[in-house]
């Protein structure tokens, strides 16, 4: 029963609830860290993703691959903080950008989404073949946690031997319940921000693919289910939003995990519901380790008096164990 004991996370005193533990790091946390180089990786379908590399000790052949959340990028505070702590401890670090998230719109009509980990799997193979990495750990936040877990759980017998462990933080394992949560109360602030950023990309796509995608009436979209019915589902081969939520949720895949995987969810994360905690799966799959924290918010996990978050220290300890 790998449900781990709840840790004590001492958040800064002014971050006294889940919303502040989410918002303050997102707006104000600064990380003194720089990547060494950006590599554009062409994908098998003709699209591309941009990879940001920090080579701390290439001779060790150890790499952490960090995946950002919805409408994030490799320079989000939680990606940079994770890259920094691993780099300072002898790991090479890769923060990659999902399609359209690196500052340049992607080439194809489609975008990225929770249910497609093929790009991440291609990146893993690229790291092994081009750079010779022998020890890889995947770390993901929110949607990036979904992708990291899916990358190893969807086809568990095809996972490269070099991939040793996975950790996901603040993961909406059950998409429908999370979407409904974002329609409630203060959570609509987050939902509006996501929809605003996604709308900018829809308008950019409309200019590139006139007649194939339209932003007309976009301002009438108020909730994710409307966006996903209009864009996510048809662009990526799903029947409708509910079909998308069912098939893109990572929760049904977690029983298939065959490498050590840590799932960390904060109980005060307003994006998540108990359906996302996956306790029953952790009780039956010896490869899924569940850690429920009382504090942390969504992708926050800041600790008083520490330059690194509790999540960053936990991921490093998990990787090195």
C-alpha atoms as a PDB file:
ATOM      1  CA  UNK A   1       0.000   0.000   0.000  1.00  0.00           C
ATOM      2  CA  UNK A   2       2.359   2.775  -1.191  1.00  0.00           C
ATOM      3  CA  UNK A   3       0.340   5.687   0.179  1.00  0.00           C
ATOM      4  CA  UNK A   4       3.074   7.703   1.833  1.00  0.00           C
ATOM      5  CA  UNK A   5       2.736   9.577   5.147  1.00  0.00           C
ATOM      6  CA  UNK A   6       1.664  13.187   4.721  1.00  0.00           C
ATOM      7  CA  UNK A   7       4.607  15.586   5.097  1.00  0.00           C
ATOM      8  CA  UNK A   8       4.565  18.859   6.969  1.00  0.00           C
ATOM      9  CA  UNK A   9       4.970  21.743   4.546  1.00  0.00           C
ATOM     10  CA  UNK A  10       5.529  25.061   6.298  1.00  0.00           C
ATOM     11  CA  UNK A  11       4.298  27.603   3.781  1.00  0.00           C
ATOM     12  CA  UNK A  12       5.257  31.296   4.201  1.00  0.00           C
ATOM     13  CA  UNK A  13       2.851  32.788   6.742  1.00  0.00           C
ATOM     14  CA  UNK A  14       1.230  35.124   4.221  1.00  0.00           C
ATOM     15  CA  UNK A  15       0.341  32.154   1.997  1.00  0.00           C
ATOM     16  CA  UNK A  16      -2.330  30.958   4.383  1.00  0.00           C
ATOM     17  CA  UNK A  17      -4.661  29.216   1.904  1.00  0.00           C
ATOM     18  CA  UNK A  18      -4.543  27.230  -1.306  1.00  0.00           C
ATOM     19  CA  UNK A  19      -5.280  30.174  -3.586  1.00  0.00           C
ATOM     20  CA  UNK A  20      -2.389  32.223  -2.217  1.00  0.00           C
ATOM     21  CA  UNK A  21      -0.109  29.179  -2.353  1.00  0.00           C
ATOM     22  CA  UNK A  22      -1.033  28.949  -6.047  1.00  0.00           C
ATOM     23  CA  UNK A  23      -1.000  32.612  -7.065  1.00  0.00           C
ATOM     24  CA  UNK A  24       1.955  34.087  -5.154  1.00  0.00           C
ATOM     25  CA  UNK A  25       4.601  31.758  -6.643  1.00  0.00           C
ATOM     26  CA  UNK A  26       3.067  32.114 -10.090  1.00  0.00           C
ATOM     27  CA  UNK A  27       3.220  35.911 -10.039  1.00  0.00           C
ATOM     28  CA  UNK A  28       6.196  36.746  -7.874  1.00  0.00           C
ATOM     29  CA  UNK A  29       8.649  33.855  -7.570  1.00  0.00           C
ATOM     30  CA  UNK A  30      11.898  34.542  -9.425  1.00  0.00           C
ATOM     31  CA  UNK A  31      14.512  31.880 -10.188  1.00  0.00           C
ATOM     32  CA  UNK A  32      18.147  32.739 -10.866  1.00  0.00           C
ATOM     33  CA  UNK A  33      18.771  30.093 -13.493  1.00  0.00           C
ATOM     34  CA  UNK A  34      19.512  30.027 -17.209  1.00  0.00           C
ATOM     35  CA  UNK A  35      19.454  27.300 -19.804  1.00  0.00           C
ATOM     36  CA  UNK A  36      22.568  26.825 -21.928  1.00  0.00           C
ATOM     37  CA  UNK A  37      20.946  26.275 -25.295  1.00  0.00           C
ATOM     38  CA  UNK A  38      17.647  25.877 -27.155  1.00  0.00           C
ATOM     39  CA  UNK A  39      17.239  23.040 -29.622  1.00  0.00           C
ATOM     40  CA  UNK A  40      14.405  22.817 -32.134  1.00  0.00           C
ATOM     41  CA  UNK A  41      13.314  19.224 -32.526  1.00  0.00           C
ATOM     42  CA  UNK A  42      11.344  18.330 -35.643  1.00  0.00           C
ATOM     43  CA  UNK A  43       8.577  15.824 -34.986  1.00  0.00           C
ATOM     44  CA  UNK A  44       7.532  12.883 -37.175  1.00  0.00           C
ATOM     45  CA  UNK A  45       4.326  14.629 -38.283  1.00  0.00           C
ATOM     46  CA  UNK A  46       6.160  17.732 -39.545  1.00  0.00           C
ATOM     47  CA  UNK A  47       5.620  19.897 -36.484  1.00  0.00           C
ATOM     48  CA  UNK A  48       8.256  20.930 -33.939  1.00  0.00           C
ATOM     49  CA  UNK A  49       8.910  21.461 -30.245  1.00  0.00           C
ATOM     50  CA  UNK A  50      11.603  23.615 -28.652  1.00  0.00           C
ATOM     51  CA  UNK A  51      13.865  22.068 -26.014  1.00  0.00           C
ATOM     52  CA  UNK A  52      15.766  24.151 -23.442  1.00  0.00           C
ATOM     53  CA  UNK A  53      18.874  22.385 -22.147  1.00  0.00           C
ATOM     54  CA  UNK A  54      21.126  22.908 -19.147  1.00  0.00           C
ATOM     55  CA  UNK A  55      24.186  20.664 -19.224  1.00  0.00           C
ATOM     56  CA  UNK A  56      25.458  20.380 -15.671  1.00  0.00           C
ATOM     57  CA  UNK A  57      27.455  17.170 -15.970  1.00  0.00           C
ATOM     58  CA  UNK A  58      26.985  15.385 -19.310  1.00  0.00           C
ATOM     59  CA  UNK A  59      29.518  12.702 -18.388  1.00  0.00           C
ATOM     60  CA  UNK A  60      27.129  11.298 -15.769  1.00  0.00           C
ATOM     61  CA  UNK A  61      24.496  10.590 -18.445  1.00  0.00           C
ATOM     62  CA  UNK A  62      21.718  11.565 -16.003  1.00  0.00           C
ATOM     63  CA  UNK A  63      18.821  13.743 -17.181  1.00  0.00           C
ATOM     64  CA  UNK A  64      15.658  15.185 -15.692  1.00  0.00           C
ATOM     65  CA  UNK A  65      12.955  16.048 -18.242  1.00  0.00           C
ATOM     66  CA  UNK A  66      10.512  18.644 -16.889  1.00  0.00           C
ATOM     67  CA  UNK A  67       7.090  19.147 -18.460  1.00  0.00           C
ATOM     68  CA  UNK A  68       5.058  22.304 -17.851  1.00  0.00           C
ATOM     69  CA  UNK A  69       1.337  22.699 -17.333  1.00  0.00           C
ATOM     70  CA  UNK A  70      -1.455  23.973 -19.575  1.00  0.00           C
ATOM     71  CA  UNK A  71      -0.364  27.161 -21.366  1.00  0.00           C
ATOM     72  CA  UNK A  72       2.906  27.151 -19.453  1.00  0.00           C
ATOM     73  CA  UNK A  73       6.411  26.924 -20.845  1.00  0.00           C
ATOM     74  CA  UNK A  74       9.972  26.009 -19.906  1.00  0.00           C
ATOM     75  CA  UNK A  75      10.437  29.327 -18.083  1.00  0.00           C
ATOM     76  CA  UNK A  76       7.621  28.935 -15.576  1.00  0.00           C
ATOM     77  CA  UNK A  77       8.903  29.237 -12.011  1.00  0.00           C
ATOM     78  CA  UNK A  78       8.243  25.590 -11.176  1.00  0.00           C
ATOM     79  CA  UNK A  79      10.157  24.371 -14.246  1.00  0.00           C
ATOM     80  CA  UNK A  80      13.133  26.668 -13.643  1.00  0.00           C
ATOM     81  CA  UNK A  81      13.241  25.843  -9.930  1.00  0.00           C
ATOM     82  CA  UNK A  82      13.186  22.125 -10.668  1.00  0.00           C
ATOM     83  CA  UNK A  83      15.887  22.462 -13.330  1.00  0.00           C
ATOM     84  CA  UNK A  84      18.036  24.520 -10.956  1.00  0.00           C
ATOM     85  CA  UNK A  85      17.940  22.097  -8.024  1.00  0.00           C
ATOM     86  CA  UNK A  86      18.715  19.120 -10.248  1.00  0.00           C
ATOM     87  CA  UNK A  87      21.517  20.956 -12.057  1.00  0.00           C
ATOM     88  CA  UNK A  88      23.105  21.959  -8.762  1.00  0.00           C
ATOM     89  CA  UNK A  89      23.142  18.293  -7.843  1.00  0.00           C
ATOM     90  CA  UNK A  90      24.873  17.023 -10.956  1.00  0.00           C
ATOM     91  CA  UNK A  91      21.949  16.296 -13.277  1.00  0.00           C
ATOM     92  CA  UNK A  92      21.491  17.656 -16.778  1.00  0.00           C
ATOM     93  CA  UNK A  93      18.105  19.333 -17.070  1.00  0.00           C
ATOM     94  CA  UNK A  94      15.699  19.654 -19.980  1.00  0.00           C
ATOM     95  CA  UNK A  95      12.715  21.979 -19.855  1.00  0.00           C
ATOM     96  CA  UNK A  96      10.717  21.411 -23.026  1.00  0.00           C
ATOM     97  CA  UNK A  97       7.886  23.433 -24.519  1.00  0.00           C
ATOM     98  CA  UNK A  98       4.716  21.821 -25.807  1.00  0.00           C
ATOM     99  CA  UNK A  99       3.620  22.709 -29.322  1.00  0.00           C
ATOM    100  CA  UNK A 100       2.866  26.467 -29.571  1.00  0.00           C
ATOM    101  CA  UNK A 101       4.250  27.183 -26.071  1.00  0.00           C
ATOM    102  CA  UNK A 102       7.809  28.335 -26.830  1.00  0.00           C
ATOM    103  CA  UNK A 103       6.890  31.778 -28.144  1.00  0.00           C
ATOM    104  CA  UNK A 104       6.271  30.657 -31.728  1.00  0.00           C
ATOM    105  CA  UNK A 105       3.044  29.124 -32.977  1.00  0.00           C
ATOM    106  CA  UNK A 106       3.393  25.535 -34.139  1.00  0.00           C
ATOM    107  CA  UNK A 107       3.159  24.528 -37.788  1.00  0.00           C
ATOM    108  CA  UNK A 108       0.089  22.312 -37.789  1.00  0.00           C
ATOM    109  CA  UNK A 109      -3.577  23.022 -37.171  1.00  0.00           C
ATOM    110  CA  UNK A 110      -3.533  20.891 -34.022  1.00  0.00           C
ATOM    111  CA  UNK A 111      -2.113  21.923 -30.627  1.00  0.00           C
ATOM    112  CA  UNK A 112      -1.103  19.795 -27.617  1.00  0.00           C
ATOM    113  CA  UNK A 113      -3.354  18.203 -24.997  1.00  0.00           C
ATOM    114  CA  UNK A 114      -3.523  16.019 -21.886  1.00  0.00           C
ATOM    115  CA  UNK A 115      -4.084  12.820 -23.823  1.00  0.00           C
ATOM    116  CA  UNK A 116      -1.094  12.878 -26.176  1.00  0.00           C
ATOM    117  CA  UNK A 117       2.297  11.934 -24.736  1.00  0.00           C
ATOM    118  CA  UNK A 118       3.823  11.010 -28.090  1.00  0.00           C
ATOM    119  CA  UNK A 119       5.899  14.204 -28.229  1.00  0.00           C
ATOM    120  CA  UNK A 120       7.359  13.478 -24.801  1.00  0.00           C
ATOM    121  CA  UNK A 121       8.140   9.896 -25.779  1.00  0.00           C
ATOM    122  CA  UNK A 122       9.888  11.174 -28.909  1.00  0.00           C
ATOM    123  CA  UNK A 123      11.919  13.595 -26.778  1.00  0.00           C
ATOM    124  CA  UNK A 124      12.936  10.794 -24.415  1.00  0.00           C
ATOM    125  CA  UNK A 125      14.155   8.706 -27.345  1.00  0.00           C
ATOM    126  CA  UNK A 126      15.968  11.748 -28.753  1.00  0.00           C
ATOM    127  CA  UNK A 127      17.794  12.211 -25.449  1.00  0.00           C
ATOM    128  CA  UNK A 128      18.863   8.584 -25.428  1.00  0.00           C
ATOM    129  CA  UNK A 129      19.940   8.387 -29.068  1.00  0.00           C
ATOM    130  CA  UNK A 130      21.589  11.787 -29.535  1.00  0.00           C
ATOM    131  CA  UNK A 131      23.013  12.448 -26.081  1.00  0.00           C
ATOM    132  CA  UNK A 132      23.428   8.949 -24.701  1.00  0.00           C
ATOM    133  CA  UNK A 133      21.471   9.409 -21.475  1.00  0.00           C
ATOM    134  CA  UNK A 134      21.319   6.237 -19.413  1.00  0.00           C
ATOM    135  CA  UNK A 135      19.340   7.465 -16.395  1.00  0.00           C
ATOM    136  CA  UNK A 136      16.254   9.609 -17.019  1.00  0.00           C
ATOM    137  CA  UNK A 137      13.669  10.885 -14.570  1.00  0.00           C
ATOM    138  CA  UNK A 138      10.450  12.565 -15.701  1.00  0.00           C
ATOM    139  CA  UNK A 139       8.954  15.404 -13.658  1.00  0.00           C
ATOM    140  CA  UNK A 140       5.679  17.069 -14.604  1.00  0.00           C
ATOM    141  CA  UNK A 141       3.338  19.670 -13.212  1.00  0.00           C
ATOM    142  CA  UNK A 142      -0.441  19.710 -13.706  1.00  0.00           C
ATOM    143  CA  UNK A 143      -1.008  18.783 -17.369  1.00  0.00           C
ATOM    144  CA  UNK A 144       2.718  18.053 -17.543  1.00  0.00           C
ATOM    145  CA  UNK A 145       2.216  15.538 -14.760  1.00  0.00           C
ATOM    146  CA  UNK A 146      -0.503  13.881 -16.835  1.00  0.00           C
ATOM    147  CA  UNK A 147       1.848  13.682 -19.809  1.00  0.00           C
ATOM    148  CA  UNK A 148       4.768  12.377 -17.743  1.00  0.00           C
ATOM    149  CA  UNK A 149       2.666   9.600 -16.224  1.00  0.00           C
ATOM    150  CA  UNK A 150       0.984   8.800 -19.539  1.00  0.00           C
ATOM    151  CA  UNK A 151       4.363   8.571 -21.268  1.00  0.00           C
ATOM    152  CA  UNK A 152       5.214   5.493 -19.194  1.00  0.00           C
ATOM    153  CA  UNK A 153       1.772   4.084 -18.348  1.00  0.00           C
ATOM    154  CA  UNK A 154       0.107   4.010 -21.756  1.00  0.00           C
ATOM    155  CA  UNK A 155       2.501   1.456 -23.267  1.00  0.00           C
ATOM    156  CA  UNK A 156       4.334   0.172 -20.188  1.00  0.00           C
ATOM    157  CA  UNK A 157       6.213  -2.601 -21.988  1.00  0.00           C
ATOM    158  CA  UNK A 158       7.723  -0.102 -24.452  1.00  0.00           C
ATOM    159  CA  UNK A 159       9.264   2.284 -21.910  1.00  0.00           C
ATOM    160  CA  UNK A 160      13.012   2.634 -22.545  1.00  0.00           C
ATOM    161  CA  UNK A 161      15.222   1.078 -19.882  1.00  0.00           C
ATOM    162  CA  UNK A 162      16.857   4.468 -19.337  1.00  0.00           C
ATOM    163  CA  UNK A 163      13.636   5.896 -17.876  1.00  0.00           C
ATOM    164  CA  UNK A 164      13.907   5.054 -14.195  1.00  0.00           C
ATOM    165  CA  UNK A 165      11.282   7.106 -12.319  1.00  0.00           C
ATOM    166  CA  UNK A 166       8.423   9.573 -12.724  1.00  0.00           C
ATOM    167  CA  UNK A 167       6.925  12.205 -10.459  1.00  0.00           C
ATOM    168  CA  UNK A 168       3.800  14.276 -11.083  1.00  0.00           C
ATOM    169  CA  UNK A 169       2.672  17.254  -9.026  1.00  0.00           C
ATOM    170  CA  UNK A 170      -0.828  18.792  -8.970  1.00  0.00           C
ATOM    171  CA  UNK A 171      -2.110  16.400 -11.633  1.00  0.00           C
ATOM    172  CA  UNK A 172      -5.747  16.611 -12.830  1.00  0.00           C
ATOM    173  CA  UNK A 173      -5.968  12.851 -13.198  1.00  0.00           C
ATOM    174  CA  UNK A 174      -9.743  13.040 -13.708  1.00  0.00           C
ATOM    175  CA  UNK A 175     -10.288  15.842 -16.218  1.00  0.00           C
ATOM    176  CA  UNK A 176     -14.060  16.126 -16.050  1.00  0.00           C
ATOM    177  CA  UNK A 177     -14.074  16.693 -12.292  1.00  0.00           C
ATOM    178  CA  UNK A 178     -11.277  19.273 -12.583  1.00  0.00           C
ATOM    179  CA  UNK A 179     -13.057  21.123 -15.377  1.00  0.00           C
ATOM    180  CA  UNK A 180     -16.168  21.329 -13.216  1.00  0.00           C
ATOM    181  CA  UNK A 181     -14.083  22.617 -10.296  1.00  0.00           C
ATOM    182  CA  UNK A 182     -12.739  25.457 -12.443  1.00  0.00           C
ATOM    183  CA  UNK A 183     -16.298  26.630 -13.094  1.00  0.00           C
ATOM    184  CA  UNK A 184     -16.883  27.316  -9.404  1.00  0.00           C
ATOM    185  CA  UNK A 185     -16.324  30.428  -7.287  1.00  0.00           C
ATOM    186  CA  UNK A 186     -12.882  32.004  -7.298  1.00  0.00           C
ATOM    187  CA  UNK A 187     -11.623  29.244  -9.593  1.00  0.00           C
ATOM    188  CA  UNK A 188     -13.200  31.061 -12.532  1.00  0.00           C
ATOM    189  CA  UNK A 189     -10.291  33.521 -12.263  1.00  0.00           C
ATOM    190  CA  UNK A 190      -7.928  30.727 -13.319  1.00  0.00           C
ATOM    191  CA  UNK A 191     -10.335  29.514 -15.978  1.00  0.00           C
ATOM    192  CA  UNK A 192     -10.628  32.979 -17.540  1.00  0.00           C
ATOM    193  CA  UNK A 193      -6.845  33.316 -17.659  1.00  0.00           C
ATOM    194  CA  UNK A 194      -6.453  29.967 -19.413  1.00  0.00           C
ATOM    195  CA  UNK A 195      -9.195  30.769 -21.909  1.00  0.00           C
ATOM    196  CA  UNK A 196      -7.713  34.205 -22.631  1.00  0.00           C
ATOM    197  CA  UNK A 197      -4.300  32.718 -23.435  1.00  0.00           C
ATOM    198  CA  UNK A 198      -5.811  29.932 -25.515  1.00  0.00           C
ATOM    199  CA  UNK A 199      -7.907  32.488 -27.377  1.00  0.00           C
ATOM    200  CA  UNK A 200      -4.776  34.331 -28.476  1.00  0.00           C
ATOM    201  CA  UNK A 201      -3.514  31.124 -30.073  1.00  0.00           C
ATOM    202  CA  UNK A 202      -6.850  30.398 -31.744  1.00  0.00           C
ATOM    203  CA  UNK A 203      -6.717  33.848 -33.355  1.00  0.00           C
ATOM    204  CA  UNK A 204      -3.146  33.198 -34.505  1.00  0.00           C
ATOM    205  CA  UNK A 205      -4.193  29.866 -35.980  1.00  0.00           C
ATOM    206  CA  UNK A 206      -7.092  31.497 -37.799  1.00  0.00           C
ATOM    207  CA  UNK A 207      -4.610  33.689 -39.703  1.00  0.00           C
ATOM    208  CA  UNK A 208      -2.501  30.679 -40.684  1.00  0.00           C
ATOM    209  CA  UNK A 209      -5.388  28.320 -41.471  1.00  0.00           C
ATOM    210  CA  UNK A 210      -8.280  30.500 -42.737  1.00  0.00           C
ATOM    211  CA  UNK A 211     -11.430  28.502 -43.231  1.00  0.00           C
ATOM    212  CA  UNK A 212     -10.173  25.624 -41.097  1.00  0.00           C
ATOM    213  CA  UNK A 213     -10.408  27.266 -37.678  1.00  0.00           C
ATOM    214  CA  UNK A 214     -12.308  30.347 -36.547  1.00  0.00           C
ATOM    215  CA  UNK A 215     -12.162  32.674 -33.580  1.00  0.00           C
ATOM    216  CA  UNK A 216     -15.513  34.243 -34.421  1.00  0.00           C
ATOM    217  CA  UNK A 217     -17.619  34.447 -31.282  1.00  0.00           C
ATOM    218  CA  UNK A 218     -14.744  33.302 -29.080  1.00  0.00           C
ATOM    219  CA  UNK A 219     -15.628  35.927 -26.467  1.00  0.00           C
ATOM    220  CA  UNK A 220     -18.823  33.983 -25.772  1.00  0.00           C
ATOM    221  CA  UNK A 221     -16.854  31.004 -24.490  1.00  0.00           C
ATOM    222  CA  UNK A 222     -16.985  31.122 -20.687  1.00  0.00           C
ATOM    223  CA  UNK A 223     -15.997  27.614 -19.647  1.00  0.00           C
ATOM    224  CA  UNK A 224     -13.597  24.874 -20.681  1.00  0.00           C
ATOM    225  CA  UNK A 225     -16.344  22.523 -21.794  1.00  0.00           C
ATOM    226  CA  UNK A 226     -17.350  25.058 -24.464  1.00  0.00           C
ATOM    227  CA  UNK A 227     -13.729  25.494 -25.580  1.00  0.00           C
ATOM    228  CA  UNK A 228     -13.100  21.761 -25.643  1.00  0.00           C
ATOM    229  CA  UNK A 229     -16.314  21.055 -27.585  1.00  0.00           C
ATOM    230  CA  UNK A 230     -15.421  23.663 -30.179  1.00  0.00           C
ATOM    231  CA  UNK A 231     -11.640  23.190 -30.442  1.00  0.00           C
ATOM    232  CA  UNK A 232      -9.896  20.491 -28.390  1.00  0.00           C
ATOM    233  CA  UNK A 233     -12.168  17.616 -29.398  1.00  0.00           C
ATOM    234  CA  UNK A 234     -12.466  18.175 -33.166  1.00  0.00           C
ATOM    235  CA  UNK A 235      -8.844  19.272 -33.621  1.00  0.00           C
ATOM    236  CA  UNK A 236      -7.518  16.134 -31.949  1.00  0.00           C
ATOM    237  CA  UNK A 237      -9.936  13.432 -33.054  1.00  0.00           C
ATOM    238  CA  UNK A 238     -12.401  13.238 -30.164  1.00  0.00           C
ATOM    239  CA  UNK A 239     -16.165  13.063 -30.516  1.00  0.00           C
ATOM    240  CA  UNK A 240     -16.877  15.898 -28.079  1.00  0.00           C
ATOM    241  CA  UNK A 241     -15.610  17.386 -24.827  1.00  0.00           C
ATOM    242  CA  UNK A 242     -16.836  14.463 -22.733  1.00  0.00           C
ATOM    243  CA  UNK A 243     -15.126  11.968 -25.017  1.00  0.00           C
ATOM    244  CA  UNK A 244     -11.966  14.067 -24.700  1.00  0.00           C
ATOM    245  CA  UNK A 245     -12.149  14.155 -20.892  1.00  0.00           C
ATOM    246  CA  UNK A 246     -12.707  10.399 -20.714  1.00  0.00           C
ATOM    247  CA  UNK A 247      -9.914   9.386 -23.074  1.00  0.00           C
ATOM    248  CA  UNK A 248      -7.388  12.087 -22.153  1.00  0.00           C
ATOM    249  CA  UNK A 249      -7.579  11.552 -18.394  1.00  0.00           C
ATOM    250  CA  UNK A 250      -4.517   9.714 -17.123  1.00  0.00           C
ATOM    251  CA  UNK A 251      -6.267   8.050 -14.187  1.00  0.00           C
ATOM    252  CA  UNK A 252      -7.429   4.916 -16.083  1.00  0.00           C
ATOM    253  CA  UNK A 253      -3.821   4.277 -17.157  1.00  0.00           C
ATOM    254  CA  UNK A 254      -2.252   4.403 -13.695  1.00  0.00           C
ATOM    255  CA  UNK A 255      -2.913   0.713 -12.881  1.00  0.00           C
ATOM    256  CA  UNK A 256      -0.591  -0.109 -15.804  1.00  0.00           C
ATOM    257  CA  UNK A 257       2.476   1.639 -14.351  1.00  0.00           C
ATOM    258  CA  UNK A 258       5.535  -0.603 -14.186  1.00  0.00           C
ATOM    259  CA  UNK A 259       8.226   1.837 -13.039  1.00  0.00           C
ATOM    260  CA  UNK A 260       8.298   3.728  -9.716  1.00  0.00           C
ATOM    261  CA  UNK A 261       5.972   6.710 -10.047  1.00  0.00           C
ATOM    262  CA  UNK A 262       5.226   9.334  -7.426  1.00  0.00           C
ATOM    263  CA  UNK A 263       1.955  11.283  -7.515  1.00  0.00           C
ATOM    264  CA  UNK A 264       1.835  14.346  -5.254  1.00  0.00           C
ATOM    265  CA  UNK A 265      -1.494  16.132  -4.741  1.00  0.00           C
ATOM    266  CA  UNK A 266      -2.236  18.970  -2.336  1.00  0.00           C
ATOM    267  CA  UNK A 267      -5.573  18.704  -0.564  1.00  0.00           C
ATOM    268  CA  UNK A 268      -5.960  22.496  -0.784  1.00  0.00           C
ATOM    269  CA  UNK A 269      -5.412  22.516  -4.565  1.00  0.00           C
ATOM    270  CA  UNK A 270      -8.627  24.061  -5.857  1.00  0.00           C
ATOM    271  CA  UNK A 271      -8.077  22.575  -9.321  1.00  0.00           C
ATOM    272  CA  UNK A 272      -8.418  19.029  -8.014  1.00  0.00           C
ATOM    273  CA  UNK A 273     -11.167  16.823  -6.602  1.00  0.00           C
ATOM    274  CA  UNK A 274     -10.893  13.597  -4.571  1.00  0.00           C
ATOM    275  CA  UNK A 275     -11.344  11.756  -7.883  1.00  0.00           C
ATOM    276  CA  UNK A 276      -7.866  13.020  -8.782  1.00  0.00           C
ATOM    277  CA  UNK A 277      -6.209  11.544  -5.699  1.00  0.00           C
ATOM    278  CA  UNK A 278      -6.293   7.958  -7.021  1.00  0.00           C
ATOM    279  CA  UNK A 279      -5.996   6.379  -3.574  1.00  0.00           C
ATOM    280  CA  UNK A 280      -7.597   3.102  -4.633  1.00  0.00           C
ATOM    281  CA  UNK A 281      -5.061   2.681  -7.442  1.00  0.00           C
ATOM    282  CA  UNK A 282      -2.090   3.406  -5.178  1.00  0.00           C
ATOM    283  CA  UNK A 283      -3.382   0.757  -2.799  1.00  0.00           C
ATOM    284  CA  UNK A 284      -3.270  -1.916  -5.499  1.00  0.00           C
ATOM    285  CA  UNK A 285      -0.394  -0.942  -7.828  1.00  0.00           C
ATOM    286  CA  UNK A 286       2.983  -1.265  -6.073  1.00  0.00           C
ATOM    287  CA  UNK A 287       4.587   1.088  -8.610  1.00  0.00           C
ATOM    288  CA  UNK A 288       2.319   4.073  -7.848  1.00  0.00           C
ATOM    289  CA  UNK A 289       3.299   5.990  -4.720  1.00  0.00           C
ATOM    290  CA  UNK A 290       0.745   8.560  -3.584  1.00  0.00           C
ATOM    291  CA  UNK A 291       1.545  11.514  -1.376  1.00  0.00           C
ATOM    292  CA  UNK A 292      -1.310  13.784  -0.260  1.00  0.00           C
ATOM    293  CA  UNK A 293      -0.180  17.042   1.300  1.00  0.00           C
ATOM    294  CA  UNK A 294      -2.278  19.446   3.348  1.00  0.00           C
ATOM    295  CA  UNK A 295      -0.649  22.495   1.739  1.00  0.00           C
ATOM    296  CA  UNK A 296       0.877  23.471  -1.576  1.00  0.00           C
ATOM    297  CA  UNK A 297      -1.924  24.845  -3.713  1.00  0.00           C
ATOM    298  CA  UNK A 298      -1.625  24.196  -7.430  1.00  0.00           C
ATOM    299  CA  UNK A 299       2.028  23.913  -8.513  1.00  0.00           C
ATOM    300  CA  UNK A 300       3.087  26.057  -5.552  1.00  0.00           C
ATOM    301  CA  UNK A 301       4.584  24.173  -2.595  1.00  0.00           C
ATOM    302  CA  UNK A 302       6.722  27.099  -1.393  1.00  0.00           C
ATOM    303  CA  UNK A 303       8.379  26.708   2.002  1.00  0.00           C
ATOM    304  CA  UNK A 304       9.241  29.490   4.427  1.00  0.00           C
ATOM    305  CA  UNK A 305      12.910  30.434   4.330  1.00  0.00           C
ATOM    306  CA  UNK A 306      13.867  28.201   1.413  1.00  0.00           C
ATOM    307  CA  UNK A 307      14.906  29.175  -2.111  1.00  0.00           C
ATOM    308  CA  UNK A 308      13.607  25.823  -3.328  1.00  0.00           C
ATOM    309  CA  UNK A 309      10.059  24.601  -2.960  1.00  0.00           C
ATOM    310  CA  UNK A 310       9.140  21.474  -1.064  1.00  0.00           C
ATOM    311  CA  UNK A 311       8.220  19.907  -4.433  1.00  0.00           C
ATOM    312  CA  UNK A 312      11.667  20.549  -5.877  1.00  0.00           C
ATOM    313  CA  UNK A 313      13.414  19.010  -2.893  1.00  0.00           C
ATOM    314  CA  UNK A 314      11.023  16.065  -2.891  1.00  0.00           C
ATOM    315  CA  UNK A 315      11.540  15.351  -6.601  1.00  0.00           C
ATOM    316  CA  UNK A 316      15.327  15.428  -6.217  1.00  0.00           C
ATOM    317  CA  UNK A 317      15.184  13.074  -3.243  1.00  0.00           C
ATOM    318  CA  UNK A 318      12.868  10.738  -5.126  1.00  0.00           C
ATOM    319  CA  UNK A 319      15.153  10.730  -8.155  1.00  0.00           C
ATOM    320  CA  UNK A 320      18.261  10.036  -6.106  1.00  0.00           C
ATOM    321  CA  UNK A 321      16.760   7.365  -3.869  1.00  0.00           C
END
